[in-house]
Amino acid sequence: MAKQRNRAKPSRRRDKRGGPGSGRRKPCPFCKDKIDQVDYKDVTGLRRFVSERGKIRSRRITGACRRHQNQIARAVKRARELALLPYVAEPANERPGGRRDRDRDRERD
């Protein structure tokens, strides 16, 4: 007689409860404070949405809604253009494992 297969529904990954990522989304900080427009001149406020390397953080990390995230990106780009925010972070002088030293050695030879 042939084996009977288990006819139960296969468990899906999205049915998993309590893992990382389960939980509510953060509320949008601008919607919470009822702010309509993000101001590019508010440099201290914009720094919260830029990483230490100078990259604009994603919605998933900032918790901003789509409308305000687009305004944040536009405001950061305007602030960079006016030199209120840096495009990139200041490079560290001593970085272990960097290619700078090897490139300099080749130029000397």
PDB file of N, CA and C in Angstrom:
ATOM      1  N   MET A   1       0.829  -1.176   0.000  1.00  0.00           N
ATOM      2  CA  MET A   1       0.000   0.000   0.000  1.00  0.00           C
ATOM      3  C   MET A   1       0.882   1.250   0.000  1.00  0.00           C
ATOM      4  N   ALA A   2       0.504   2.262  -0.751  1.00  0.00           N
ATOM      5  CA  ALA A   2       1.308   3.474  -0.876  1.00  0.00           C
ATOM      6  C   ALA A   2       1.199   4.323   0.387  1.00  0.00           C
ATOM      7  N   LYS A   3       2.286   5.071   0.649  1.00  0.00           N
ATOM      8  CA  LYS A   3       2.277   5.965   1.811  1.00  0.00           C
ATOM      9  C   LYS A   3       1.308   7.104   1.589  1.00  0.00           C
ATOM     10  N   GLN A   4       0.619   7.481   2.652  1.00  0.00           N
ATOM     11  CA  GLN A   4      -0.248   8.639   2.548  1.00  0.00           C
ATOM     12  C   GLN A   4       0.534   9.885   2.918  1.00  0.00           C
ATOM     13  N   ARG A   5       0.364  10.900   2.123  1.00  0.00           N
ATOM     14  CA  ARG A   5       1.063  12.145   2.383  1.00  0.00           C
ATOM     15  C   ARG A   5       0.250  13.009   3.325  1.00  0.00           C
ATOM     16  N   ASN A   6       0.971  13.813   4.042  1.00  0.00           N
ATOM     17  CA  ASN A   6       0.319  14.739   4.963  1.00  0.00           C
ATOM     18  C   ASN A   6      -0.367  15.819   4.133  1.00  0.00           C
ATOM     19  N   ARG A   7      -1.676  15.917   4.225  1.00  0.00           N
ATOM     20  CA  ARG A   7      -2.446  16.848   3.406  1.00  0.00           C
ATOM     21  C   ARG A   7      -2.668  18.194   4.089  1.00  0.00           C
ATOM     22  N   ALA A   8      -2.006  18.422   5.210  1.00  0.00           N
ATOM     23  CA  ALA A   8      -2.156  19.711   5.895  1.00  0.00           C
ATOM     24  C   ALA A   8      -1.479  20.797   5.072  1.00  0.00           C
ATOM     25  N   LYS A   9      -1.949  22.023   5.234  1.00  0.00           N
ATOM     26  CA  LYS A   9      -1.354  23.141   4.500  1.00  0.00           C
ATOM     27  C   LYS A   9       0.079  23.354   4.952  1.00  0.00           C
ATOM     28  N   PRO A  10       0.972  23.609   4.016  1.00  0.00           N
ATOM     29  CA  PRO A  10       2.361  23.874   4.424  1.00  0.00           C
ATOM     30  C   PRO A  10       2.434  25.205   5.174  1.00  0.00           C
ATOM     31  N   SER A  11       3.273  25.230   6.173  1.00  0.00           N
ATOM     32  CA  SER A  11       3.409  26.475   6.938  1.00  0.00           C
ATOM     33  C   SER A  11       4.173  27.479   6.090  1.00  0.00           C
ATOM     34  N   ARG A  12       3.735  28.692   6.137  1.00  0.00           N
ATOM     35  CA  ARG A  12       4.376  29.732   5.345  1.00  0.00           C
ATOM     36  C   ARG A  12       5.201  30.615   6.246  1.00  0.00           C
ATOM     37  N   ARG A  13       6.168  31.260   5.620  1.00  0.00           N
ATOM     38  CA  ARG A  13       7.067  32.117   6.368  1.00  0.00           C
ATOM     39  C   ARG A  13       6.342  33.325   6.954  1.00  0.00           C
ATOM     40  N   ARG A  14       5.369  33.847   6.209  1.00  0.00           N
ATOM     41  CA  ARG A  14       4.677  35.032   6.692  1.00  0.00           C
ATOM     42  C   ARG A  14       3.724  34.731   7.838  1.00  0.00           C
ATOM     43  N   ASP A  15       3.420  33.434   8.066  1.00  0.00           N
ATOM     44  CA  ASP A  15       2.573  33.064   9.193  1.00  0.00           C
ATOM     45  C   ASP A  15       3.338  33.037  10.510  1.00  0.00           C
ATOM     46  N   LYS A  16       4.651  33.144  10.410  1.00  0.00           N
ATOM     47  CA  LYS A  16       5.494  33.078  11.600  1.00  0.00           C
ATOM     48  C   LYS A  16       5.225  34.274  12.502  1.00  0.00           C
ATOM     49  N   ARG A  17       5.065  34.035  13.756  1.00  0.00           N
ATOM     50  CA  ARG A  17       4.731  35.105  14.698  1.00  0.00           C
ATOM     51  C   ARG A  17       5.912  35.398  15.618  1.00  0.00           C
ATOM     52  N   GLY A  18       6.075  36.655  15.966  1.00  0.00           N
ATOM     53  CA  GLY A  18       7.037  37.036  16.986  1.00  0.00           C
ATOM     54  C   GLY A  18       8.473  37.162  16.541  1.00  0.00           C
ATOM     55  N   GLY A  19       8.755  37.003  15.271  1.00  0.00           N
ATOM     56  CA  GLY A  19      10.134  37.120  14.803  1.00  0.00           C
ATOM     57  C   GLY A  19      10.523  38.565  14.581  1.00  0.00           C
ATOM     58  N   PRO A  20      11.747  38.793  14.103  1.00  0.00           N
ATOM     59  CA  PRO A  20      12.145  40.164  13.806  1.00  0.00           C
ATOM     60  C   PRO A  20      11.295  40.708  12.666  1.00  0.00           C
ATOM     61  N   GLY A  21      10.909  41.950  12.805  1.00  0.00           N
ATOM     62  CA  GLY A  21      10.079  42.561  11.785  1.00  0.00           C
ATOM     63  C   GLY A  21       8.600  42.473  12.088  1.00  0.00           C
ATOM     64  N   SER A  22       8.250  41.637  13.068  1.00  0.00           N
ATOM     65  CA  SER A  22       6.836  41.602  13.415  1.00  0.00           C
ATOM     66  C   SER A  22       6.567  42.733  14.390  1.00  0.00           C
ATOM     67  N   GLY A  23       5.510  43.384  14.206  1.00  0.00           N
ATOM     68  CA  GLY A  23       5.188  44.517  15.047  1.00  0.00           C
ATOM     69  C   GLY A  23       4.695  45.662  14.205  1.00  0.00           C
ATOM     70  N   ARG A  24       4.329  46.711  14.835  1.00  0.00           N
ATOM     71  CA  ARG A  24       3.754  47.832  14.129  1.00  0.00           C
ATOM     72  C   ARG A  24       4.838  48.728  13.551  1.00  0.00           C
ATOM     73  N   ARG A  25       4.472  49.400  12.466  1.00  0.00           N
ATOM     74  CA  ARG A  25       5.383  50.388  11.891  1.00  0.00           C
ATOM     75  C   ARG A  25       5.466  51.581  12.815  1.00  0.00           C
ATOM     76  N   LYS A  26       6.608  52.248  12.775  1.00  0.00           N
ATOM     77  CA  LYS A  26       6.759  53.479  13.548  1.00  0.00           C
ATOM     78  C   LYS A  26       5.838  54.537  12.959  1.00  0.00           C
ATOM     79  N   PRO A  27       5.267  55.382  13.786  1.00  0.00           N
ATOM     80  CA  PRO A  27       4.472  56.473  13.209  1.00  0.00           C
ATOM     81  C   PRO A  27       5.384  57.508  12.552  1.00  0.00           C
ATOM     82  N   CYS A  28       4.883  58.126  11.510  1.00  0.00           N
ATOM     83  CA  CYS A  28       5.663  59.143  10.806  1.00  0.00           C
ATOM     84  C   CYS A  28       5.885  60.327  11.737  1.00  0.00           C
ATOM     85  N   PRO A  29       7.145  60.747  11.951  1.00  0.00           N
ATOM     86  CA  PRO A  29       7.397  61.859  12.876  1.00  0.00           C
ATOM     87  C   PRO A  29       6.782  63.178  12.408  1.00  0.00           C
ATOM     88  N   PHE A  30       6.601  63.354  11.101  1.00  0.00           N
ATOM     89  CA  PHE A  30       6.017  64.590  10.589  1.00  0.00           C
ATOM     90  C   PHE A  30       4.494  64.564  10.674  1.00  0.00           C
ATOM     91  N   CYS A  31       3.889  63.415  10.410  1.00  0.00           N
ATOM     92  CA  CYS A  31       2.431  63.303  10.542  1.00  0.00           C
ATOM     93  C   CYS A  31       2.033  63.419  12.011  1.00  0.00           C
ATOM     94  N   LYS A  32       2.865  62.871  12.886  1.00  0.00           N
ATOM     95  CA  LYS A  32       2.574  62.920  14.317  1.00  0.00           C
ATOM     96  C   LYS A  32       2.546  64.357  14.827  1.00  0.00           C
ATOM     97  N   ASP A  33       3.484  65.181  14.326  1.00  0.00           N
ATOM     98  CA  ASP A  33       3.551  66.589  14.739  1.00  0.00           C
ATOM     99  C   ASP A  33       2.727  67.504  13.832  1.00  0.00           C
ATOM    100  N   LYS A  34       1.991  66.914  12.872  1.00  0.00           N
ATOM    101  CA  LYS A  34       1.137  67.648  11.931  1.00  0.00           C
ATOM    102  C   LYS A  34       1.932  68.699  11.138  1.00  0.00           C
ATOM    103  N   ILE A  35       3.084  68.265  10.605  1.00  0.00           N
ATOM    104  CA  ILE A  35       3.917  69.127   9.769  1.00  0.00           C
ATOM    105  C   ILE A  35       3.615  68.788   8.313  1.00  0.00           C
ATOM    106  N   ASP A  36       3.226  69.803   7.530  1.00  0.00           N
ATOM    107  CA  ASP A  36       2.874  69.569   6.127  1.00  0.00           C
ATOM    108  C   ASP A  36       4.095  69.491   5.228  1.00  0.00           C
ATOM    109  N   GLN A  37       5.034  70.404   5.399  1.00  0.00           N
ATOM    110  CA  GLN A  37       6.201  70.470   4.530  1.00  0.00           C
ATOM    111  C   GLN A  37       7.487  70.293   5.335  1.00  0.00           C
ATOM    112  N   VAL A  38       8.441  69.555   4.772  1.00  0.00           N
ATOM    113  CA  VAL A  38       9.758  69.400   5.375  1.00  0.00           C
ATOM    114  C   VAL A  38      10.618  70.562   4.896  1.00  0.00           C
ATOM    115  N   ASP A  39      11.270  71.248   5.830  1.00  0.00           N
ATOM    116  CA  ASP A  39      12.046  72.444   5.488  1.00  0.00           C
ATOM    117  C   ASP A  39      13.517  72.075   5.299  1.00  0.00           C
ATOM    118  N   TYR A  40      14.095  72.477   4.178  1.00  0.00           N
ATOM    119  CA  TYR A  40      15.499  72.153   3.897  1.00  0.00           C
ATOM    120  C   TYR A  40      16.445  72.972   4.762  1.00  0.00           C
ATOM    121  N   LYS A  41      15.952  74.063   5.382  1.00  0.00           N
ATOM    122  CA  LYS A  41      16.813  74.908   6.215  1.00  0.00           C
ATOM    123  C   LYS A  41      16.945  74.363   7.631  1.00  0.00           C
ATOM    124  N   ASP A  42      16.107  73.397   8.008  1.00  0.00           N
ATOM    125  CA  ASP A  42      16.162  72.784   9.335  1.00  0.00           C
ATOM    126  C   ASP A  42      17.213  71.676   9.310  1.00  0.00           C
ATOM    127  N   VAL A  43      18.475  72.072   9.406  1.00  0.00           N
ATOM    128  CA  VAL A  43      19.586  71.133   9.244  1.00  0.00           C
ATOM    129  C   VAL A  43      19.626  70.120  10.384  1.00  0.00           C
ATOM    130  N   THR A  44      19.375  70.562  11.613  1.00  0.00           N
ATOM    131  CA  THR A  44      19.417  69.622  12.741  1.00  0.00           C
ATOM    132  C   THR A  44      18.315  68.580  12.619  1.00  0.00           C
ATOM    133  N   GLY A  45      17.169  68.961  12.108  1.00  0.00           N
ATOM    134  CA  GLY A  45      16.094  67.993  11.909  1.00  0.00           C
ATOM    135  C   GLY A  45      16.402  67.020  10.790  1.00  0.00           C
ATOM    136  N   LEU A  46      17.066  67.500   9.743  1.00  0.00           N
ATOM    137  CA  LEU A  46      17.388  66.636   8.607  1.00  0.00           C
ATOM    138  C   LEU A  46      18.509  65.662   8.930  1.00  0.00           C
ATOM    139  N   ARG A  47      19.386  66.020   9.858  1.00  0.00           N
ATOM    140  CA  ARG A  47      20.498  65.120  10.198  1.00  0.00           C
ATOM    141  C   ARG A  47      20.016  63.797  10.776  1.00  0.00           C
ATOM    142  N   ARG A  48      18.814  63.781  11.338  1.00  0.00           N
ATOM    143  CA  ARG A  48      18.258  62.527  11.861  1.00  0.00           C
ATOM    144  C   ARG A  48      17.958  61.541  10.741  1.00  0.00           C
ATOM    145  N   PHE A  49      17.753  62.046   9.516  1.00  0.00           N
ATOM    146  CA  PHE A  49      17.379  61.213   8.390  1.00  0.00           C
ATOM    147  C   PHE A  49      18.545  60.919   7.463  1.00  0.00           C
ATOM    148  N   VAL A  50      19.766  61.286   7.894  1.00  0.00           N
ATOM    149  CA  VAL A  50      20.968  61.027   7.113  1.00  0.00           C
ATOM    150  C   VAL A  50      21.911  60.202   7.971  1.00  0.00           C
ATOM    151  N   SER A  51      22.494  59.155   7.393  1.00  0.00           N
ATOM    152  CA  SER A  51      23.412  58.311   8.156  1.00  0.00           C
ATOM    153  C   SER A  51      24.727  59.038   8.410  1.00  0.00           C
ATOM    154  N   GLU A  52      25.576  58.448   9.233  1.00  0.00           N
ATOM    155  CA  GLU A  52      26.862  59.077   9.541  1.00  0.00           C
ATOM    156  C   GLU A  52      27.787  59.114   8.337  1.00  0.00           C
ATOM    157  N   ARG A  53      27.515  58.291   7.332  1.00  0.00           N
ATOM    158  CA  ARG A  53      28.300  58.320   6.096  1.00  0.00           C
ATOM    159  C   ARG A  53      27.731  59.293   5.083  1.00  0.00           C
ATOM    160  N   GLY A  54      26.553  59.861   5.370  1.00  0.00           N
ATOM    161  CA  GLY A  54      25.971  60.855   4.480  1.00  0.00           C
ATOM    162  C   GLY A  54      24.856  60.346   3.599  1.00  0.00           C
ATOM    163  N   LYS A  55      24.435  59.092   3.766  1.00  0.00           N
ATOM    164  CA  LYS A  55      23.371  58.533   2.936  1.00  0.00           C
ATOM    165  C   LYS A  55      22.006  58.839   3.549  1.00  0.00           C
ATOM    166  N   ILE A  56      21.018  59.027   2.693  1.00  0.00           N
ATOM    167  CA  ILE A  56      19.654  59.254   3.162  1.00  0.00           C
ATOM    168  C   ILE A  56      19.100  57.916   3.636  1.00  0.00           C
ATOM    169  N   ARG A  57      18.569  57.897   4.853  1.00  0.00           N
ATOM    170  CA  ARG A  57      18.039  56.656   5.410  1.00  0.00           C
ATOM    171  C   ARG A  57      16.699  56.313   4.782  1.00  0.00           C
ATOM    172  N   SER A  58      16.382  55.026   4.744  1.00  0.00           N
ATOM    173  CA  SER A  58      15.160  54.569   4.092  1.00  0.00           C
ATOM    174  C   SER A  58      13.946  54.750   4.996  1.00  0.00           C
ATOM    175  N   ARG A  59      12.778  54.623   4.397  1.00  0.00           N
ATOM    176  CA  ARG A  59      11.522  54.750   5.130  1.00  0.00           C
ATOM    177  C   ARG A  59      11.408  53.718   6.228  1.00  0.00           C
ATOM    178  N   ARG A  60      11.903  52.530   5.951  1.00  0.00           N
ATOM    179  CA  ARG A  60      11.820  51.440   6.920  1.00  0.00           C
ATOM    180  C   ARG A  60      12.544  51.803   8.210  1.00  0.00           C
ATOM    181  N   ILE A  61      13.640  52.545   8.092  1.00  0.00           N
ATOM    182  CA  ILE A  61      14.432  52.919   9.258  1.00  0.00           C
ATOM    183  C   ILE A  61      13.900  54.192   9.897  1.00  0.00           C
ATOM    184  N   THR A  62      13.550  55.189   9.082  1.00  0.00           N
ATOM    185  CA  THR A  62      13.110  56.467   9.645  1.00  0.00           C
ATOM    186  C   THR A  62      11.688  56.412  10.155  1.00  0.00           C
ATOM    187  N   GLY A  63      10.848  55.553   9.559  1.00  0.00           N
ATOM    188  CA  GLY A  63       9.456  55.485   9.958  1.00  0.00           C
ATOM    189  C   GLY A  63       8.596  56.544   9.306  1.00  0.00           C
ATOM    190  N   ALA A  64       9.137  57.270   8.337  1.00  0.00           N
ATOM    191  CA  ALA A  64       8.379  58.332   7.673  1.00  0.00           C
ATOM    192  C   ALA A  64       7.419  57.713   6.660  1.00  0.00           C
ATOM    193  N   CYS A  65       6.305  58.393   6.427  1.00  0.00           N
ATOM    194  CA  CYS A  65       5.365  57.938   5.405  1.00  0.00           C
ATOM    195  C   CYS A  65       5.949  58.268   4.031  1.00  0.00           C
ATOM    196  N   ARG A  66       5.322  57.759   2.996  1.00  0.00           N
ATOM    197  CA  ARG A  66       5.868  57.924   1.650  1.00  0.00           C
ATOM    198  C   ARG A  66       5.940  59.397   1.253  1.00  0.00           C
ATOM    199  N   ARG A  67       4.909  60.134   1.551  1.00  0.00           N
ATOM    200  CA  ARG A  67       4.860  61.558   1.186  1.00  0.00           C
ATOM    201  C   ARG A  67       5.986  62.335   1.858  1.00  0.00           C
ATOM    202  N   HIS A  68       6.153  62.127   3.157  1.00  0.00           N
ATOM    203  CA  HIS A  68       7.178  62.865   3.879  1.00  0.00           C
ATOM    204  C   HIS A  68       8.582  62.351   3.551  1.00  0.00           C
ATOM    205  N   GLN A  69       8.724  61.065   3.236  1.00  0.00           N
ATOM    206  CA  GLN A  69      10.042  60.553   2.857  1.00  0.00           C
ATOM    207  C   GLN A  69      10.515  61.199   1.565  1.00  0.00           C
ATOM    208  N   ASN A  70       9.603  61.404   0.618  1.00  0.00           N
ATOM    209  CA  ASN A  70       9.965  62.095  -0.625  1.00  0.00           C
ATOM    210  C   ASN A  70      10.372  63.532  -0.333  1.00  0.00           C
ATOM    211  N   GLN A  71       9.671  64.179   0.578  1.00  0.00           N
ATOM    212  CA  GLN A  71      10.017  65.551   0.948  1.00  0.00           C
ATOM    213  C   GLN A  71      11.356  65.601   1.678  1.00  0.00           C
ATOM    214  N   ILE A  72      11.635  64.592   2.515  1.00  0.00           N
ATOM    215  CA  ILE A  72      12.922  64.518   3.224  1.00  0.00           C
ATOM    216  C   ILE A  72      14.058  64.405   2.213  1.00  0.00           C
ATOM    217  N   ALA A  73      13.888  63.500   1.233  1.00  0.00           N
ATOM    218  CA  ALA A  73      14.939  63.296   0.226  1.00  0.00           C
ATOM    219  C   ALA A  73      15.185  64.584  -0.555  1.00  0.00           C
ATOM    220  N   ARG A  74      14.110  65.262  -0.937  1.00  0.00           N
ATOM    221  CA  ARG A  74      14.255  66.515  -1.682  1.00  0.00           C
ATOM    222  C   ARG A  74      14.925  67.581  -0.827  1.00  0.00           C
ATOM    223  N   ALA A  75      14.542  67.655   0.457  1.00  0.00           N
ATOM    224  CA  ALA A  75      15.115  68.666   1.351  1.00  0.00           C
ATOM    225  C   ALA A  75      16.595  68.395   1.612  1.00  0.00           C
ATOM    226  N   VAL A  76      16.967  67.124   1.773  1.00  0.00           N
ATOM    227  CA  VAL A  76      18.381  66.780   1.999  1.00  0.00           C
ATOM    228  C   VAL A  76      19.200  67.150   0.768  1.00  0.00           C
ATOM    229  N   LYS A  77      18.668  66.875  -0.411  1.00  0.00           N
ATOM    230  CA  LYS A  77      19.389  67.196  -1.644  1.00  0.00           C
ATOM    231  C   LYS A  77      19.554  68.709  -1.813  1.00  0.00           C
ATOM    232  N   ARG A  78      18.521  69.461  -1.448  1.00  0.00           N
ATOM    233  CA  ARG A  78      18.635  70.926  -1.523  1.00  0.00           C
ATOM    234  C   ARG A  78      19.636  71.445  -0.510  1.00  0.00           C
ATOM    235  N   ALA A  79      19.607  70.879   0.700  1.00  0.00           N
ATOM    236  CA  ALA A  79      20.536  71.323   1.740  1.00  0.00           C
ATOM    237  C   ALA A  79      21.971  70.986   1.352  1.00  0.00           C
ATOM    238  N   ARG A  80      22.180  69.867   0.684  1.00  0.00           N
ATOM    239  CA  ARG A  80      23.523  69.522   0.212  1.00  0.00           C
ATOM    240  C   ARG A  80      23.980  70.518  -0.855  1.00  0.00           C
ATOM    241  N   GLU A  81      23.073  70.865  -1.754  1.00  0.00           N
ATOM    242  CA  GLU A  81      23.405  71.788  -2.832  1.00  0.00           C
ATOM    243  C   GLU A  81      23.803  73.159  -2.291  1.00  0.00           C
ATOM    244  N   LEU A  82      23.187  73.577  -1.194  1.00  0.00           N
ATOM    245  CA  LEU A  82      23.495  74.860  -0.573  1.00  0.00           C
ATOM    246  C   LEU A  82      24.586  74.746   0.484  1.00  0.00           C
ATOM    247  N   ALA A  83      25.214  73.597   0.580  1.00  0.00           N
ATOM    248  CA  ALA A  83      26.324  73.333   1.511  1.00  0.00           C
ATOM    249  C   ALA A  83      25.893  73.436   2.966  1.00  0.00           C
ATOM    250  N   LEU A  84      24.621  73.138   3.243  1.00  0.00           N
ATOM    251  CA  LEU A  84      24.169  73.064   4.631  1.00  0.00           C
ATOM    252  C   LEU A  84      24.431  71.672   5.207  1.00  0.00           C
ATOM    253  N   LEU A  85      24.393  70.669   4.337  1.00  0.00           N
ATOM    254  CA  LEU A  85      24.692  69.283   4.712  1.00  0.00           C
ATOM    255  C   LEU A  85      25.809  68.771   3.812  1.00  0.00           C
ATOM    256  N   PRO A  86      26.669  67.891   4.328  1.00  0.00           N
ATOM    257  CA  PRO A  86      27.723  67.333   3.474  1.00  0.00           C
ATOM    258  C   PRO A  86      27.179  66.227   2.569  1.00  0.00           C
ATOM    259  N   TYR A  87      27.790  66.054   1.416  1.00  0.00           N
ATOM    260  CA  TYR A  87      27.426  64.952   0.530  1.00  0.00           C
ATOM    261  C   TYR A  87      27.914  63.621   1.096  1.00  0.00           C
ATOM    262  N   VAL A  88      29.132  63.615   1.638  1.00  0.00           N
ATOM    263  CA  VAL A  88      29.719  62.405   2.223  1.00  0.00           C
ATOM    264  C   VAL A  88      30.347  62.775   3.555  1.00  0.00           C
ATOM    265  N   ALA A  89      30.644  61.762   4.353  1.00  0.00           N
ATOM    266  CA  ALA A  89      31.280  61.990   5.647  1.00  0.00           C
ATOM    267  C   ALA A  89      32.762  62.283   5.452  1.00  0.00           C
ATOM    268  N   GLU A  90      33.359  62.891   6.442  1.00  0.00           N
ATOM    269  CA  GLU A  90      34.800  63.158   6.407  1.00  0.00           C
ATOM    270  C   GLU A  90      35.555  61.831   6.426  1.00  0.00           C
ATOM    271  N   PRO A  91      36.527  61.640   5.543  1.00  0.00           N
ATOM    272  CA  PRO A  91      37.272  60.374   5.543  1.00  0.00           C
ATOM    273  C   PRO A  91      38.193  60.283   6.762  1.00  0.00           C
ATOM    274  N   ALA A  92      38.294  59.090   7.288  1.00  0.00           N
ATOM    275  CA  ALA A  92      39.201  58.864   8.418  1.00  0.00           C
ATOM    276  C   ALA A  92      40.629  58.764   7.885  1.00  0.00           C
ATOM    277  N   ASN A  93      41.595  59.295   8.639  1.00  0.00           N
ATOM    278  CA  ASN A  93      42.989  59.281   8.185  1.00  0.00           C
ATOM    279  C   ASN A  93      43.566  57.880   8.151  1.00  0.00           C
ATOM    280  N   GLU A  94      43.366  57.140   9.216  1.00  0.00           N
ATOM    281  CA  GLU A  94      43.932  55.791   9.311  1.00  0.00           C
ATOM    282  C   GLU A  94      42.809  54.779   9.197  1.00  0.00           C
ATOM    283  N   ARG A  95      42.709  54.132   8.041  1.00  0.00           N
ATOM    284  CA  ARG A  95      41.708  53.087   7.862  1.00  0.00           C
ATOM    285  C   ARG A  95      42.434  51.778   7.631  1.00  0.00           C
ATOM    286  N   PRO A  96      42.303  50.817   8.531  1.00  0.00           N
ATOM    287  CA  PRO A  96      42.965  49.529   8.312  1.00  0.00           C
ATOM    288  C   PRO A  96      42.314  48.783   7.150  1.00  0.00           C
ATOM    289  N   GLY A  97      43.139  48.172   6.334  1.00  0.00           N
ATOM    290  CA  GLY A  97      42.642  47.369   5.227  1.00  0.00           C
ATOM    291  C   GLY A  97      42.252  48.178   4.005  1.00  0.00           C
ATOM    292  N   GLY A  98      42.575  49.449   3.989  1.00  0.00           N
ATOM    293  CA  GLY A  98      42.228  50.279   2.842  1.00  0.00           C
ATOM    294  C   GLY A  98      43.192  50.081   1.694  1.00  0.00           C
ATOM    295  N   ARG A  99      42.812  50.528   0.511  1.00  0.00           N
ATOM    296  CA  ARG A  99      43.664  50.367  -0.668  1.00  0.00           C
ATOM    297  C   ARG A  99      44.579  51.558  -0.879  1.00  0.00           C
ATOM    298  N   ARG A 100      44.389  52.616  -0.105  1.00  0.00           N
ATOM    299  CA  ARG A 100      45.172  53.826  -0.327  1.00  0.00           C
ATOM    300  C   ARG A 100      46.672  53.581  -0.237  1.00  0.00           C
ATOM    301  N   ASP A 101      47.093  52.843   0.762  1.00  0.00           N
ATOM    302  CA  ASP A 101      48.520  52.621   0.964  1.00  0.00           C
ATOM    303  C   ASP A 101      49.112  51.816  -0.192  1.00  0.00           C
ATOM    304  N   ARG A 102      48.394  50.823  -0.682  1.00  0.00           N
ATOM    305  CA  ARG A 102      48.909  50.005  -1.774  1.00  0.00           C
ATOM    306  C   ARG A 102      49.022  50.821  -3.052  1.00  0.00           C
ATOM    307  N   ASP A 103      48.053  51.685  -3.294  1.00  0.00           N
ATOM    308  CA  ASP A 103      48.116  52.509  -4.498  1.00  0.00           C
ATOM    309  C   ASP A 103      49.292  53.474  -4.446  1.00  0.00           C
ATOM    310  N   ARG A 104      49.565  54.031  -3.293  1.00  0.00           N
ATOM    311  CA  ARG A 104      50.705  54.941  -3.154  1.00  0.00           C
ATOM    312  C   ARG A 104      52.017  54.218  -3.374  1.00  0.00           C
ATOM    313  N   ASP A 105      52.127  52.988  -2.865  1.00  0.00           N
ATOM    314  CA  ASP A 105      53.363  52.225  -3.033  1.00  0.00           C
ATOM    315  C   ASP A 105      53.628  51.949  -4.512  1.00  0.00           C
ATOM    316  N   ARG A 106      52.605  51.691  -5.280  1.00  0.00           N
ATOM    317  CA  ARG A 106      52.795  51.388  -6.703  1.00  0.00           C
ATOM    318  C   ARG A 106      53.264  52.613  -7.458  1.00  0.00           C
ATOM    319  N   GLU A 107      52.777  53.800  -7.058  1.00  0.00           N
ATOM    320  CA  GLU A 107      53.174  55.022  -7.746  1.00  0.00           C
ATOM    321  C   GLU A 107      54.640  55.338  -7.528  1.00  0.00           C
ATOM    322  N   ARG A 108      55.176  54.982  -6.370  1.00  0.00           N
ATOM    323  CA  ARG A 108      56.586  55.286  -6.039  1.00  0.00           C
ATOM    324  C   ARG A 108      57.543  54.438  -6.846  1.00  0.00           C
ATOM    325  N   ASP A 109      57.137  53.192  -7.167  1.00  0.00           N
ATOM    326  CA  ASP A 109      58.055  52.277  -7.873  1.00  0.00           C
ATOM    327  C   ASP A 109      58.333  52.679  -9.278  1.00  0.00           C
TER     328      ASP A 109
END
